[in-house]
């Protein structure tokens, strides 16, 4: 699993001591034990996705609205 990216508070001015927050990775609820699974970490500005079976540890990042549209399309096509 990846180490989450640290994000600086949007209220922090240049040169100030600032609060940094790490995203928490969550495994897909559709993942069975031992399978390669999708992991998601989200902030207000970005959704990060990675796959546990990916040896390159690639991360895809997108806007939360785009991710929501993607999830709606998956759910619609799954029905």
C-alpha atoms as a PDB file:
ATOM      1  CA  UNK A   1       0.000   0.000   0.000  1.00  0.00           C
ATOM      2  CA  UNK A   2       1.190   3.523  -0.753  1.00  0.00           C
ATOM      3  CA  UNK A   3       2.163   6.043   1.825  1.00  0.00           C
ATOM      4  CA  UNK A   4      -0.500   8.743   1.461  1.00  0.00           C
ATOM      5  CA  UNK A   5       0.455  12.131   0.101  1.00  0.00           C
ATOM      6  CA  UNK A   6       0.674  14.964   2.608  1.00  0.00           C
ATOM      7  CA  UNK A   7      -1.459  18.001   1.821  1.00  0.00           C
ATOM      8  CA  UNK A   8      -0.950  21.456   3.289  1.00  0.00           C
ATOM      9  CA  UNK A   9      -3.958  23.293   4.685  1.00  0.00           C
ATOM     10  CA  UNK A  10      -5.510  25.701   2.174  1.00  0.00           C
ATOM     11  CA  UNK A  11      -5.608  28.321   4.955  1.00  0.00           C
ATOM     12  CA  UNK A  12      -1.823  28.367   5.248  1.00  0.00           C
ATOM     13  CA  UNK A  13       0.012  31.474   3.985  1.00  0.00           C
ATOM     14  CA  UNK A  14       3.504  31.304   2.480  1.00  0.00           C
ATOM     15  CA  UNK A  15       6.153  30.932   5.191  1.00  0.00           C
ATOM     16  CA  UNK A  16       3.738  30.063   8.026  1.00  0.00           C
ATOM     17  CA  UNK A  17       3.948  26.956  10.157  1.00  0.00           C
ATOM     18  CA  UNK A  18       1.133  24.872   8.682  1.00  0.00           C
ATOM     19  CA  UNK A  19      -0.996  21.834   9.329  1.00  0.00           C
ATOM     20  CA  UNK A  20      -0.454  18.971   6.882  1.00  0.00           C
ATOM     21  CA  UNK A  21      -2.967  16.157   6.501  1.00  0.00           C
ATOM     22  CA  UNK A  22      -2.427  12.663   5.112  1.00  0.00           C
ATOM     23  CA  UNK A  23      -5.147  10.958   3.148  1.00  0.00           C
ATOM     24  CA  UNK A  24      -6.357   7.611   4.449  1.00  0.00           C
ATOM     25  CA  UNK A  25      -6.432   4.792   1.912  1.00  0.00           C
ATOM     26  CA  UNK A  26      -9.579   2.659   1.889  1.00  0.00           C
ATOM     27  CA  UNK A  27      -9.898  -0.717   0.182  1.00  0.00           C
ATOM     28  CA  UNK A  28     -12.896  -1.333  -2.070  1.00  0.00           C
ATOM     29  CA  UNK A  29     -15.769  -3.052  -0.274  1.00  0.00           C
ATOM     30  CA  UNK A  30     -16.049  -5.388  -3.291  1.00  0.00           C
ATOM     31  CA  UNK A  31     -12.551  -6.786  -2.732  1.00  0.00           C
ATOM     32  CA  UNK A  32     -12.140 -10.350  -1.473  1.00  0.00           C
ATOM     33  CA  UNK A  33      -9.206 -11.411   0.710  1.00  0.00           C
ATOM     34  CA  UNK A  34      -6.062 -12.008  -1.364  1.00  0.00           C
ATOM     35  CA  UNK A  35      -7.326 -10.224  -4.499  1.00  0.00           C
ATOM     36  CA  UNK A  36      -5.688  -7.241  -6.166  1.00  0.00           C
ATOM     37  CA  UNK A  37      -7.969  -4.402  -5.070  1.00  0.00           C
ATOM     38  CA  UNK A  38      -8.695  -0.772  -5.791  1.00  0.00           C
ATOM     39  CA  UNK A  39      -7.756   1.609  -2.978  1.00  0.00           C
ATOM     40  CA  UNK A  40      -9.132   5.160  -2.702  1.00  0.00           C
ATOM     41  CA  UNK A  41      -7.936   8.194  -0.728  1.00  0.00           C
ATOM     42  CA  UNK A  42      -9.911  11.422  -0.895  1.00  0.00           C
ATOM     43  CA  UNK A  43      -9.622  15.046   0.095  1.00  0.00           C
ATOM     44  CA  UNK A  44     -11.999  17.905  -0.675  1.00  0.00           C
ATOM     45  CA  UNK A  45     -10.044  18.700  -3.869  1.00  0.00           C
ATOM     46  CA  UNK A  46      -8.776  15.331  -5.110  1.00  0.00           C
ATOM     47  CA  UNK A  47      -9.597  11.635  -5.197  1.00  0.00           C
ATOM     48  CA  UNK A  48      -6.557   9.324  -5.483  1.00  0.00           C
ATOM     49  CA  UNK A  49      -6.917   5.747  -6.776  1.00  0.00           C
ATOM     50  CA  UNK A  50      -4.401   2.932  -6.835  1.00  0.00           C
ATOM     51  CA  UNK A  51      -4.515  -0.820  -7.288  1.00  0.00           C
ATOM     52  CA  UNK A  52      -2.852  -3.126  -4.765  1.00  0.00           C
ATOM     53  CA  UNK A  53      -1.638  -5.557  -7.418  1.00  0.00           C
ATOM     54  CA  UNK A  54       0.183  -2.836  -9.411  1.00  0.00           C
ATOM     55  CA  UNK A  55       3.945  -3.316  -8.986  1.00  0.00           C
ATOM     56  CA  UNK A  56       4.609   0.238 -10.293  1.00  0.00           C
ATOM     57  CA  UNK A  57       2.372   1.713  -7.547  1.00  0.00           C
ATOM     58  CA  UNK A  58       0.803   4.098 -10.031  1.00  0.00           C
ATOM     59  CA  UNK A  59      -1.692   6.596  -8.633  1.00  0.00           C
ATOM     60  CA  UNK A  60      -4.524   8.099 -10.630  1.00  0.00           C
ATOM     61  CA  UNK A  61      -5.823  11.420  -9.287  1.00  0.00           C
ATOM     62  CA  UNK A  62      -9.067  13.117 -10.268  1.00  0.00           C
ATOM     63  CA  UNK A  63     -11.550  15.740  -9.093  1.00  0.00           C
ATOM     64  CA  UNK A  64     -14.292  14.491  -6.710  1.00  0.00           C
ATOM     65  CA  UNK A  65     -17.059  15.494  -9.183  1.00  0.00           C
ATOM     66  CA  UNK A  66     -15.414  13.458 -11.943  1.00  0.00           C
ATOM     67  CA  UNK A  67     -15.066  10.472  -9.624  1.00  0.00           C
ATOM     68  CA  UNK A  68     -18.742  10.758  -8.603  1.00  0.00           C
ATOM     69  CA  UNK A  69     -19.760  10.737 -12.287  1.00  0.00           C
ATOM     70  CA  UNK A  70     -17.578   7.664 -12.837  1.00  0.00           C
ATOM     71  CA  UNK A  71     -19.194   5.839  -9.888  1.00  0.00           C
ATOM     72  CA  UNK A  72     -22.716   6.693 -11.101  1.00  0.00           C
ATOM     73  CA  UNK A  73     -21.874   5.281 -14.547  1.00  0.00           C
ATOM     74  CA  UNK A  74     -20.492   2.074 -13.017  1.00  0.00           C
ATOM     75  CA  UNK A  75     -23.568   1.621 -10.833  1.00  0.00           C
ATOM     76  CA  UNK A  76     -25.903   2.290 -13.759  1.00  0.00           C
ATOM     77  CA  UNK A  77     -24.121  -0.222 -16.003  1.00  0.00           C
ATOM     78  CA  UNK A  78     -23.989  -2.797 -13.185  1.00  0.00           C
ATOM     79  CA  UNK A  79     -27.772  -2.873 -12.714  1.00  0.00           C
END
